C-alpha cells in the first residue's frame, strides 16, 4: 500500500526542486545565456492536418482497475449469483464493516460492434 502521509520536509523538497529549476531557467533567459529557440513552422498551427473521426470521447479516470460497472462488459456470472453473498472472503476491509451482496447490472446487455 502506498504511504499517503508526507512530511513537510518531503513537500518542500519536491516543490523546491521544481521552483528552483523554473527560477534558474528564467534567470538564464533574461541574461541571454540561453534562448527559447525557434518554434518549428508545423508547431505554430494548432489545428490538426486532418479532421478527427471521433465524435465523442468517454474519459474514465480510475485509481487501479476499472470496476465492472464502468467497463460495460457483459458479466453473466453476476446475473447468475445476483443477490447472493460472495463466499470467497472471510474477512475484508469494506465500508460499514460488512460485505454487500453481489449485484447484476441495472441495464440489459446488448451486443455492440
Protein backbone atom coordinates (compact mmCIF):
# COMPACT_ATOMS: atom_id res chain seq x y z
CA UNK A 1 0.00 0.00 0.00
CA UNK A 2 1.26 3.46 -0.85
CA UNK A 3 2.10 5.72 2.08
CA UNK A 4 -0.11 8.78 1.60
CA UNK A 5 1.36 10.72 4.51
CA UNK A 6 4.20 13.03 3.57
CA UNK A 7 6.16 15.23 5.86
CA UNK A 8 6.70 18.96 5.47
CA UNK A 9 10.30 18.21 4.56
CA UNK A 10 9.18 15.94 1.70
CA UNK A 11 6.81 18.60 0.39
CA UNK A 12 9.42 21.37 0.47
CA UNK A 13 11.98 19.11 -1.17
CA UNK A 14 9.67 18.17 -4.04
CA UNK A 15 8.40 21.70 -4.69
CA UNK A 16 11.77 23.33 -4.11
CA UNK A 17 13.43 21.38 -6.89
CA UNK A 18 10.71 22.37 -9.36
CA UNK A 19 10.65 26.02 -8.36
CA UNK A 20 14.43 26.21 -8.37
CA UNK A 21 14.60 24.86 -11.91
CA UNK A 22 11.97 27.32 -13.11
CA UNK A 23 13.79 30.23 -11.46
CA UNK A 24 17.12 29.19 -12.99
CA UNK A 25 15.57 28.93 -16.47
CA UNK A 26 14.05 32.42 -16.10
CA UNK A 27 17.35 33.94 -14.96
CA UNK A 28 19.29 32.32 -17.81
CA UNK A 29 16.72 33.53 -20.37
CA UNK A 30 16.86 37.11 -19.03
CA UNK A 31 20.65 37.07 -19.02
CA UNK A 32 20.79 35.82 -22.60
CA UNK A 33 22.89 32.78 -21.74
CA UNK A 34 20.25 30.52 -23.28
CA UNK A 35 17.41 31.19 -25.68
CA UNK A 36 13.98 29.70 -26.03
CA UNK A 37 14.80 28.80 -29.63
CA UNK A 38 12.75 28.95 -32.79
CA UNK A 39 9.36 27.29 -32.94
CA UNK A 40 9.16 24.96 -35.96
CA UNK A 41 6.58 26.11 -38.55
CA UNK A 42 4.49 22.95 -38.18
CA UNK A 43 4.18 23.59 -34.41
CA UNK A 44 2.75 27.10 -34.91
CA UNK A 45 -0.54 25.83 -36.38
CA UNK A 46 -2.63 24.40 -33.52
CA UNK A 47 -5.13 22.65 -35.83
CA UNK A 48 -4.63 19.02 -36.91
CA UNK A 49 -3.90 18.32 -40.58
CA UNK A 50 -6.98 16.09 -40.88
CA UNK A 51 -10.47 16.03 -39.41
CA UNK A 52 -10.74 13.81 -36.36
CA UNK A 53 -13.04 10.80 -36.90
CA UNK A 54 -14.20 10.70 -33.25
CA UNK A 55 -17.50 12.41 -32.49
CA UNK A 56 -17.48 11.78 -28.74
CA UNK A 57 -14.91 10.72 -26.17
CA UNK A 58 -15.53 8.84 -22.94
CA UNK A 59 -12.82 9.54 -20.39
CA UNK A 60 -12.68 7.18 -17.42
CA UNK A 61 -10.28 8.13 -14.65
CA UNK A 62 -9.90 5.43 -12.02
CA UNK A 63 -7.23 4.61 -9.48
CA UNK A 64 -6.32 1.00 -10.10
CA UNK A 65 -8.52 -1.02 -12.41
CA UNK A 66 -11.92 -0.07 -13.73
CA UNK A 67 -14.91 -1.58 -11.96
CA UNK A 68 -17.24 -3.99 -13.72
CA UNK A 69 -19.86 -1.24 -13.74
CA UNK A 70 -17.63 1.13 -15.71
CA UNK A 71 -16.19 -1.45 -18.10
CA UNK A 72 -19.53 -2.06 -19.88
CA UNK A 73 -18.61 -5.76 -20.19
CA UNK A 74 -21.23 -8.49 -20.06
CA UNK A 75 -20.97 -10.38 -16.77
CA UNK A 76 -23.20 -13.48 -16.98
CA UNK A 77 -21.84 -14.81 -13.68
CA UNK A 78 -23.10 -11.70 -11.87
CA UNK A 79 -26.58 -12.36 -13.26
CA UNK A 80 -26.35 -15.96 -12.05
CA UNK A 81 -25.34 -15.02 -8.48
CA UNK A 82 -27.37 -11.77 -8.20
CA UNK A 83 -28.47 -11.10 -4.61
CA UNK A 84 -26.21 -13.74 -3.03
CA UNK A 85 -23.30 -13.26 -0.65
CA UNK A 86 -19.80 -13.52 -2.03
CA UNK A 87 -18.25 -16.60 -0.44
CA UNK A 88 -14.60 -16.02 -1.34
CA UNK A 89 -13.62 -13.72 1.54
CA UNK A 90 -13.79 -14.45 5.27
CA UNK A 91 -12.69 -11.02 6.49
CA UNK A 92 -12.38 -7.94 4.33
CA UNK A 93 -11.71 -4.24 4.77
CA UNK A 94 -15.02 -2.88 3.47
CA UNK A 95 -17.32 0.09 4.01
CA UNK A 96 -19.61 -0.11 7.04
CA UNK A 97 -17.91 -3.31 8.24
CA UNK A 98 -19.94 -5.73 6.12
CA UNK A 99 -19.61 -7.28 2.69
CA UNK A 100 -22.51 -6.44 0.39
CA UNK A 101 -24.45 -8.78 -1.86
CA UNK A 102 -23.48 -9.44 -5.47
CA UNK A 103 -25.39 -7.27 -7.89
CA UNK A 104 -26.08 -7.64 -11.57
CA UNK A 105 -26.10 -4.71 -13.98
CA UNK A 106 -29.09 -2.38 -13.89
CA UNK A 107 -29.15 -2.34 -17.70
CA UNK A 108 -29.91 -5.13 -20.15
CA UNK A 109 -26.80 -6.15 -22.05
CA UNK A 110 -26.89 -5.67 -25.83
CA UNK A 111 -24.02 -6.72 -28.08
CA UNK A 112 -22.40 -3.76 -29.87
CA UNK A 113 -19.85 -3.66 -32.65
